[in-house]
PDB file of N, CA and C in Angstrom:
ATOM      1  N   MET A   1      54.923 -38.435  25.010  1.00  0.00           N
ATOM      2  CA  MET A   1      54.350 -38.041  23.755  1.00  0.00           C
ATOM      3  C   MET A   1      52.965 -38.661  23.546  1.00  0.00           C
ATOM      4  N   GLU A   2      52.708 -39.786  24.186  1.00  0.00           N
ATOM      5  CA  GLU A   2      51.406 -40.434  24.033  1.00  0.00           C
ATOM      6  C   GLU A   2      50.276 -39.529  24.512  1.00  0.00           C
ATOM      7  N   VAL A   3      50.540 -38.758  25.561  1.00  0.00           N
ATOM      8  CA  VAL A   3      49.516 -37.842  26.080  1.00  0.00           C
ATOM      9  C   VAL A   3      49.165 -36.800  25.024  1.00  0.00           C
ATOM     10  N   ALA A   4      50.170 -36.270  24.344  1.00  0.00           N
ATOM     11  CA  ALA A   4      49.922 -35.270  23.300  1.00  0.00           C
ATOM     12  C   ALA A   4      49.086 -35.870  22.170  1.00  0.00           C
ATOM     13  N   HIS A   5      49.375 -37.106  21.797  1.00  0.00           N
ATOM     14  CA  HIS A   5      48.608 -37.755  20.737  1.00  0.00           C
ATOM     15  C   HIS A   5      47.169 -38.013  21.193  1.00  0.00           C
ATOM     16  N   ASP A   6      46.999 -38.376  22.455  1.00  0.00           N
ATOM     17  CA  ASP A   6      45.643 -38.576  22.970  1.00  0.00           C
ATOM     18  C   ASP A   6      44.862 -37.268  22.977  1.00  0.00           C
ATOM     19  N   VAL A   7      45.516 -36.168  23.340  1.00  0.00           N
ATOM     20  CA  VAL A   7      44.859 -34.858  23.313  1.00  0.00           C
ATOM     21  C   VAL A   7      44.461 -34.507  21.880  1.00  0.00           C
ATOM     22  N   MET A   8      45.372 -34.744  20.937  1.00  0.00           N
ATOM     23  CA  MET A   8      45.070 -34.461  19.528  1.00  0.00           C
ATOM     24  C   MET A   8      43.908 -35.335  19.050  1.00  0.00           C
ATOM     25  N   LYS A   9      43.834 -36.566  19.529  1.00  0.00           N
ATOM     26  CA  LYS A   9      42.734 -37.459  19.160  1.00  0.00           C
ATOM     27  C   LYS A   9      41.401 -36.838  19.567  1.00  0.00           C
ATOM     28  N   TYR A  10      41.320 -36.357  20.806  1.00  0.00           N
ATOM     29  CA  TYR A  10      40.060 -35.764  21.274  1.00  0.00           C
ATOM     30  C   TYR A  10      39.762 -34.452  20.557  1.00  0.00           C
ATOM     31  N   PHE A  11      40.795 -33.691  20.232  1.00  0.00           N
ATOM     32  CA  PHE A  11      40.601 -32.464  19.460  1.00  0.00           C
ATOM     33  C   PHE A  11      40.012 -32.796  18.098  1.00  0.00           C
ATOM     34  N   GLN A  12      40.547 -33.809  17.442  1.00  0.00           N
ATOM     35  CA  GLN A  12      40.071 -34.186  16.109  1.00  0.00           C
ATOM     36  C   GLN A  12      38.638 -34.718  16.152  1.00  0.00           C
ATOM     37  N   ILE A  13      38.314 -35.454  17.190  1.00  0.00           N
ATOM     38  CA  ILE A  13      36.938 -35.941  17.343  1.00  0.00           C
ATOM     39  C   ILE A  13      35.986 -34.756  17.478  1.00  0.00           C
ATOM     40  N   ALA A  14      36.347 -33.803  18.331  1.00  0.00           N
ATOM     41  CA  ALA A  14      35.503 -32.610  18.520  1.00  0.00           C
ATOM     42  C   ALA A  14      35.384 -31.824  17.220  1.00  0.00           C
ATOM     43  N   LYS A  15      36.495 -31.661  16.498  1.00  0.00           N
ATOM     44  CA  LYS A  15      36.477 -30.926  15.237  1.00  0.00           C
ATOM     45  C   LYS A  15      35.544 -31.594  14.233  1.00  0.00           C
ATOM     46  N   CYS A  16      35.606 -32.906  14.137  1.00  0.00           N
ATOM     47  CA  CYS A  16      34.745 -33.636  13.192  1.00  0.00           C
ATOM     48  C   CYS A  16      33.262 -33.451  13.527  1.00  0.00           C
ATOM     49  N   VAL A  17      32.925 -33.572  14.807  1.00  0.00           N
ATOM     50  CA  VAL A  17      31.527 -33.436  15.238  1.00  0.00           C
ATOM     51  C   VAL A  17      31.034 -32.007  15.014  1.00  0.00           C
ATOM     52  N   ILE A  18      31.829 -31.037  15.419  1.00  0.00           N
ATOM     53  CA  ILE A  18      31.426 -29.632  15.282  1.00  0.00           C
ATOM     54  C   ILE A  18      31.273 -29.250  13.819  1.00  0.00           C
ATOM     55  N   ASN A  19      32.221 -29.660  12.990  1.00  0.00           N
ATOM     56  CA  ASN A  19      32.115 -29.348  11.558  1.00  0.00           C
ATOM     57  C   ASN A  19      30.871 -29.964  10.939  1.00  0.00           C
ATOM     58  N   LYS A  20      30.590 -31.196  11.291  1.00  0.00           N
ATOM     59  CA  LYS A  20      29.410 -31.866  10.724  1.00  0.00           C
ATOM     60  C   LYS A  20      28.128 -31.134  11.127  1.00  0.00           C
ATOM     61  N   ARG A  21      28.025 -30.767  12.391  1.00  0.00           N
ATOM     62  CA  ARG A  21      26.830 -30.067  12.866  1.00  0.00           C
ATOM     63  C   ARG A  21      26.719 -28.671  12.253  1.00  0.00           C
ATOM     64  N   ALA A  22      27.854 -27.968  12.106  1.00  0.00           N
ATOM     65  CA  ALA A  22      27.830 -26.633  11.508  1.00  0.00           C
ATOM     66  C   ALA A  22      27.337 -26.708  10.067  1.00  0.00           C
ATOM     67  N   ILE A  23      27.759 -27.732   9.344  1.00  0.00           N
ATOM     68  CA  ILE A  23      27.296 -27.909   7.964  1.00  0.00           C
ATOM     69  C   ILE A  23      25.791 -28.141   7.941  1.00  0.00           C
ATOM     70  N   GLU A  24      25.289 -28.942   8.872  1.00  0.00           N
ATOM     71  CA  GLU A  24      23.843 -29.182   8.939  1.00  0.00           C
ATOM     72  C   GLU A  24      23.083 -27.884   9.213  1.00  0.00           C
ATOM     73  N   VAL A  25      23.594 -27.070  10.129  1.00  0.00           N
ATOM     74  CA  VAL A  25      22.924 -25.817  10.498  1.00  0.00           C
ATOM     75  C   VAL A  25      22.918 -24.847   9.325  1.00  0.00           C
ATOM     76  N   VAL A  26      24.075 -24.661   8.688  1.00  0.00           N
ATOM     77  CA  VAL A  26      24.135 -23.689   7.598  1.00  0.00           C
ATOM     78  C   VAL A  26      23.357 -24.196   6.380  1.00  0.00           C
ATOM     79  N   SER A  27      23.293 -25.491   6.166  1.00  0.00           N
ATOM     80  CA  SER A  27      22.486 -26.027   5.070  1.00  0.00           C
ATOM     81  C   SER A  27      21.000 -25.761   5.313  1.00  0.00           C
ATOM     82  N   LEU A  28      20.577 -25.926   6.551  1.00  0.00           N
ATOM     83  CA  LEU A  28      19.191 -25.620   6.902  1.00  0.00           C
ATOM     84  C   LEU A  28      18.909 -24.132   6.699  1.00  0.00           C
ATOM     85  N   ALA A  29      19.851 -23.282   7.104  1.00  0.00           N
ATOM     86  CA  ALA A  29      19.682 -21.837   6.909  1.00  0.00           C
ATOM     87  C   ALA A  29      19.579 -21.497   5.425  1.00  0.00           C
ATOM     88  N   MET A  30      20.364 -22.176   4.593  1.00  0.00           N
ATOM     89  CA  MET A  30      20.296 -21.942   3.147  1.00  0.00           C
ATOM     90  C   MET A  30      18.942 -22.396   2.598  1.00  0.00           C
ATOM     91  N   ASP A  31      18.420 -23.509   3.100  1.00  0.00           N
ATOM     92  CA  ASP A  31      17.090 -23.966   2.679  1.00  0.00           C
ATOM     93  C   ASP A  31      16.028 -22.926   3.009  1.00  0.00           C
ATOM     94  N   ILE A  32      16.139 -22.334   4.174  1.00  0.00           N
ATOM     95  CA  ILE A  32      15.170 -21.338   4.611  1.00  0.00           C
ATOM     96  C   ILE A  32      15.315 -20.051   3.801  1.00  0.00           C
ATOM     97  N   ALA A  33      16.561 -19.635   3.560  1.00  0.00           N
ATOM     98  CA  ALA A  33      16.807 -18.383   2.838  1.00  0.00           C
ATOM     99  C   ALA A  33      16.479 -18.499   1.353  1.00  0.00           C
ATOM    100  N   GLY A  34      16.604 -19.694   0.822  1.00  0.00           N
ATOM    101  CA  GLY A  34      16.344 -19.868  -0.604  1.00  0.00           C
ATOM    102  C   GLY A  34      17.502 -19.338  -1.452  1.00  0.00           C
ATOM    103  N   GLY A  35      17.189 -19.011  -2.684  1.00  0.00           N
ATOM    104  CA  GLY A  35      18.203 -18.573  -3.631  1.00  0.00           C
ATOM    105  C   GLY A  35      18.976 -17.345  -3.205  1.00  0.00           C
ATOM    106  N   SER A  36      18.365 -16.476  -2.418  1.00  0.00           N
ATOM    107  CA  SER A  36      19.071 -15.259  -1.985  1.00  0.00           C
ATOM    108  C   SER A  36      20.283 -15.592  -1.111  1.00  0.00           C
ATOM    109  N   GLY A  37      20.278 -16.775  -0.520  1.00  0.00           N
ATOM    110  CA  GLY A  37      21.409 -17.183   0.305  1.00  0.00           C
ATOM    111  C   GLY A  37      22.691 -17.369  -0.492  1.00  0.00           C
ATOM    112  N   PHE A  38      22.573 -17.501  -1.806  1.00  0.00           N
ATOM    113  CA  PHE A  38      23.743 -17.697  -2.653  1.00  0.00           C
ATOM    114  C   PHE A  38      24.314 -16.400  -3.210  1.00  0.00           C
ATOM    115  N   LEU A  39      23.618 -15.288  -2.997  1.00  0.00           N
ATOM    116  CA  LEU A  39      24.107 -14.001  -3.494  1.00  0.00           C
ATOM    117  C   LEU A  39      25.342 -13.570  -2.703  1.00  0.00           C
ATOM    118  N   ALA A  40      26.322 -13.020  -3.410  1.00  0.00           N
ATOM    119  CA  ALA A  40      27.556 -12.581  -2.756  1.00  0.00           C
ATOM    120  C   ALA A  40      27.291 -11.510  -1.700  1.00  0.00           C
ATOM    121  N   SER A  41      26.231 -10.750  -1.868  1.00  0.00           N
ATOM    122  CA  SER A  41      25.906  -9.683  -0.910  1.00  0.00           C
ATOM    123  C   SER A  41      25.277 -10.230   0.380  1.00  0.00           C
ATOM    124  N   ASN A  42      24.894 -11.495   0.370  1.00  0.00           N
ATOM    125  CA  ASN A  42      24.271 -12.111   1.542  1.00  0.00           C
ATOM    126  C   ASN A  42      25.354 -12.751   2.407  1.00  0.00           C
ATOM    127  N   THR A  43      25.419 -12.364   3.676  1.00  0.00           N
ATOM    128  CA  THR A  43      26.418 -12.911   4.604  1.00  0.00           C
ATOM    129  C   THR A  43      26.329 -14.426   4.681  1.00  0.00           C
ATOM    130  N   LEU A  44      25.147 -14.964   4.516  1.00  0.00           N
ATOM    131  CA  LEU A  44      24.958 -16.411   4.575  1.00  0.00           C
ATOM    132  C   LEU A  44      25.776 -17.128   3.502  1.00  0.00           C
ATOM    133  N   SER A  45      25.970 -16.471   2.362  1.00  0.00           N
ATOM    134  CA  SER A  45      26.769 -17.053   1.285  1.00  0.00           C
ATOM    135  C   SER A  45      28.199 -17.321   1.755  1.00  0.00           C
ATOM    136  N   ARG A  46      28.799 -16.345   2.409  1.00  0.00           N
ATOM    137  CA  ARG A  46      30.164 -16.494   2.934  1.00  0.00           C
ATOM    138  C   ARG A  46      30.209 -17.535   4.041  1.00  0.00           C
ATOM    139  N   LEU A  47      29.232 -17.486   4.938  1.00  0.00           N
ATOM    140  CA  LEU A  47      29.186 -18.454   6.028  1.00  0.00           C
ATOM    141  C   LEU A  47      29.065 -19.876   5.496  1.00  0.00           C
ATOM    142  N   TYR A  48      28.233 -20.058   4.484  1.00  0.00           N
ATOM    143  CA  TYR A  48      28.064 -21.370   3.883  1.00  0.00           C
ATOM    144  C   TYR A  48      29.389 -21.881   3.322  1.00  0.00           C
ATOM    145  N   ARG A  49      30.061 -21.031   2.573  1.00  0.00           N
ATOM    146  CA  ARG A  49      31.354 -21.405   1.981  1.00  0.00           C
ATOM    147  C   ARG A  49      32.377 -21.729   3.066  1.00  0.00           C
ATOM    148  N   ASP A  50      32.455 -20.884   4.095  1.00  0.00           N
ATOM    149  CA  ASP A  50      33.435 -21.092   5.166  1.00  0.00           C
ATOM    150  C   ASP A  50      33.165 -22.367   5.941  1.00  0.00           C
ATOM    151  N   VAL A  51      31.906 -22.636   6.254  1.00  0.00           N
ATOM    152  CA  VAL A  51      31.553 -23.834   7.010  1.00  0.00           C
ATOM    153  C   VAL A  51      31.822 -25.085   6.184  1.00  0.00           C
ATOM    154  N   ARG A  52      31.514 -25.028   4.898  1.00  0.00           N
ATOM    155  CA  ARG A  52      31.768 -26.185   4.022  1.00  0.00           C
ATOM    156  C   ARG A  52      33.259 -26.477   3.903  1.00  0.00           C
ATOM    157  N   ALA A  53      34.108 -25.447   4.028  1.00  0.00           N
ATOM    158  CA  ALA A  53      35.559 -25.624   3.949  1.00  0.00           C
ATOM    159  C   ALA A  53      36.157 -26.071   5.283  1.00  0.00           C
ATOM    160  N   GLY A  54      35.422 -25.933   6.364  1.00  0.00           N
ATOM    161  CA  GLY A  54      35.925 -26.255   7.699  1.00  0.00           C
ATOM    162  C   GLY A  54      36.561 -27.623   7.852  1.00  0.00           C
ATOM    163  N   PRO A  55      35.931 -28.675   7.362  1.00  0.00           N
ATOM    164  CA  PRO A  55      36.524 -30.004   7.542  1.00  0.00           C
ATOM    165  C   PRO A  55      37.888 -30.178   6.876  1.00  0.00           C
ATOM    166  N   PHE A  56      38.199 -29.356   5.894  1.00  0.00           N
ATOM    167  CA  PHE A  56      39.441 -29.548   5.153  1.00  0.00           C
ATOM    168  C   PHE A  56      40.565 -28.645   5.618  1.00  0.00           C
ATOM    169  N   ARG A  57      40.318 -27.906   6.675  1.00  0.00           N
ATOM    170  CA  ARG A  57      41.365 -27.064   7.243  1.00  0.00           C
ATOM    171  C   ARG A  57      42.229 -27.908   8.165  1.00  0.00           C
ATOM    172  N   GLN A  58      43.404 -27.406   8.445  1.00  0.00           N
ATOM    173  CA  GLN A  58      44.372 -28.135   9.261  1.00  0.00           C
ATOM    174  C   GLN A  58      43.896 -28.296  10.696  1.00  0.00           C
ATOM    175  N   PRO A  59      44.405 -29.225  11.470  1.00  0.00           N
ATOM    176  CA  PRO A  59      45.559 -30.036  11.131  1.00  0.00           C
ATOM    177  C   PRO A  59      45.256 -31.252  10.252  1.00  0.00           C
ATOM    178  N   TYR A  60      44.026 -31.742  10.226  1.00  0.00           N
ATOM    179  CA  TYR A  60      43.736 -32.918   9.407  1.00  0.00           C
ATOM    180  C   TYR A  60      42.430 -32.747   8.635  1.00  0.00           C
ATOM    181  N   ALA A  61      42.418 -33.260   7.416  1.00  0.00           N
ATOM    182  CA  ALA A  61      41.189 -33.371   6.636  1.00  0.00           C
ATOM    183  C   ALA A  61      40.416 -34.567   7.186  1.00  0.00           C
ATOM    184  N   PRO A  62      39.137 -34.727   6.837  1.00  0.00           N
ATOM    185  CA  PRO A  62      38.323 -35.798   7.425  1.00  0.00           C
ATOM    186  C   PRO A  62      38.928 -37.205   7.325  1.00  0.00           C
ATOM    187  N   THR A  63      39.440 -37.583   6.180  1.00  0.00           N
ATOM    188  CA  THR A  63      39.997 -38.944   6.059  1.00  0.00           C
ATOM    189  C   THR A  63      41.262 -39.093   6.881  1.00  0.00           C
ATOM    190  N   GLU A  64      42.088 -38.056   6.916  1.00  0.00           N
ATOM    191  CA  GLU A  64      43.296 -38.099   7.736  1.00  0.00           C
ATOM    192  C   GLU A  64      42.942 -38.138   9.217  1.00  0.00           C
ATOM    193  N   ALA A  65      41.925 -37.387   9.612  1.00  0.00           N
ATOM    194  CA  ALA A  65      41.503 -37.359  11.010  1.00  0.00           C
ATOM    195  C   ALA A  65      41.019 -38.734  11.455  1.00  0.00           C
ATOM    196  N   ARG A  66      40.193 -39.384  10.624  1.00  0.00           N
ATOM    197  CA  ARG A  66      39.712 -40.725  10.984  1.00  0.00           C
ATOM    198  C   ARG A  66      40.868 -41.711  11.111  1.00  0.00           C
ATOM    199  N   ASP A  67      41.832 -41.609  10.220  1.00  0.00           N
ATOM    200  CA  ASP A  67      43.000 -42.479  10.266  1.00  0.00           C
ATOM    201  C   ASP A  67      43.783 -42.240  11.563  1.00  0.00           C
ATOM    202  N   HIS A  68      44.017 -40.961  11.876  1.00  0.00           N
ATOM    203  CA  HIS A  68      44.767 -40.603  13.089  1.00  0.00           C
ATOM    204  C   HIS A  68      44.025 -41.062  14.349  1.00  0.00           C
ATOM    205  N   ILE A  69      42.741 -40.774  14.416  1.00  0.00           N
ATOM    206  CA  ILE A  69      41.941 -41.157  15.583  1.00  0.00           C
ATOM    207  C   ILE A  69      41.963 -42.674  15.769  1.00  0.00           C
ATOM    208  N   GLY A  70      41.778 -43.402  14.679  1.00  0.00           N
ATOM    209  CA  GLY A  70      41.778 -44.863  14.750  1.00  0.00           C
ATOM    210  C   GLY A  70      43.098 -45.429  15.226  1.00  0.00           C
ATOM    211  N   LYS A  71      44.198 -44.910  14.691  1.00  0.00           N
ATOM    212  CA  LYS A  71      45.529 -45.400  15.096  1.00  0.00           C
ATOM    213  C   LYS A  71      45.780 -45.136  16.567  1.00  0.00           C
ATOM    214  N   ILE A  72      45.489 -43.930  17.018  1.00  0.00           N
ATOM    215  CA  ILE A  72      45.731 -43.571  18.423  1.00  0.00           C
ATOM    216  C   ILE A  72      44.842 -44.427  19.331  1.00  0.00           C
ATOM    217  N   ALA A  73      43.589 -44.665  18.928  1.00  0.00           N
ATOM    218  CA  ALA A  73      42.687 -45.496  19.722  1.00  0.00           C
ATOM    219  C   ALA A  73      43.228 -46.922  19.858  1.00  0.00           C
ATOM    220  N   LEU A  74      43.951 -47.370  18.839  1.00  0.00           N
ATOM    221  CA  LEU A  74      44.540 -48.722  18.877  1.00  0.00           C
ATOM    222  C   LEU A  74      45.935 -48.743  19.515  1.00  0.00           C
ATOM    223  N   GLY A  75      46.416 -47.566  19.915  1.00  0.00           N
ATOM    224  CA  GLY A  75      47.729 -47.493  20.540  1.00  0.00           C
ATOM    225  C   GLY A  75      48.887 -47.457  19.546  1.00  0.00           C
ATOM    226  N   VAL A  76      48.588 -47.141  18.303  1.00  0.00           N
ATOM    227  CA  VAL A  76      49.623 -47.028  17.268  1.00  0.00           C
ATOM    228  C   VAL A  76      49.951 -45.544  17.123  1.00  0.00           C
ATOM    229  N   TYR A  77      51.067 -45.142  17.708  1.00  0.00           N
ATOM    230  CA  TYR A  77      51.441 -43.725  17.724  1.00  0.00           C
ATOM    231  C   TYR A  77      52.391 -43.405  16.582  1.00  0.00           C
ATOM    232  N   PRO A  78      52.205 -42.234  15.953  1.00  0.00           N
ATOM    233  CA  PRO A  78      53.117 -41.839  14.846  1.00  0.00           C
ATOM    234  C   PRO A  78      54.543 -41.695  15.358  1.00  0.00           C
ATOM    235  N   GLU A  79      55.466 -41.990  14.475  1.00  0.00           N
ATOM    236  CA  GLU A  79      56.886 -41.818  14.850  1.00  0.00           C
ATOM    237  C   GLU A  79      57.226 -40.342  14.804  1.00  0.00           C
ATOM    238  N   GLU A  80      58.015 -39.927  15.728  1.00  0.00           N
ATOM    239  CA  GLU A  80      58.405 -38.507  15.818  1.00  0.00           C
ATOM    240  C   GLU A  80      59.617 -38.251  14.967  1.00  0.00           C
TER     241      GLU A  80
END
């Protein structure tokens, strides 16, 4: 089971990094687009909302992910 937890650790690390970078990219796009980026008819509006929600989708929210990653890195595995 330790292997599965280690795999999940690396998945969570990748998810955290990708989500953070996606937020930076879409925020920059919103800066460039200006106010029109917030209109419901603008695809960027949906993308912005979806990217901002990314970190809170399963399996872990950011605080839970950091907790899980830290425990696994220290060799503290969740009980099954």
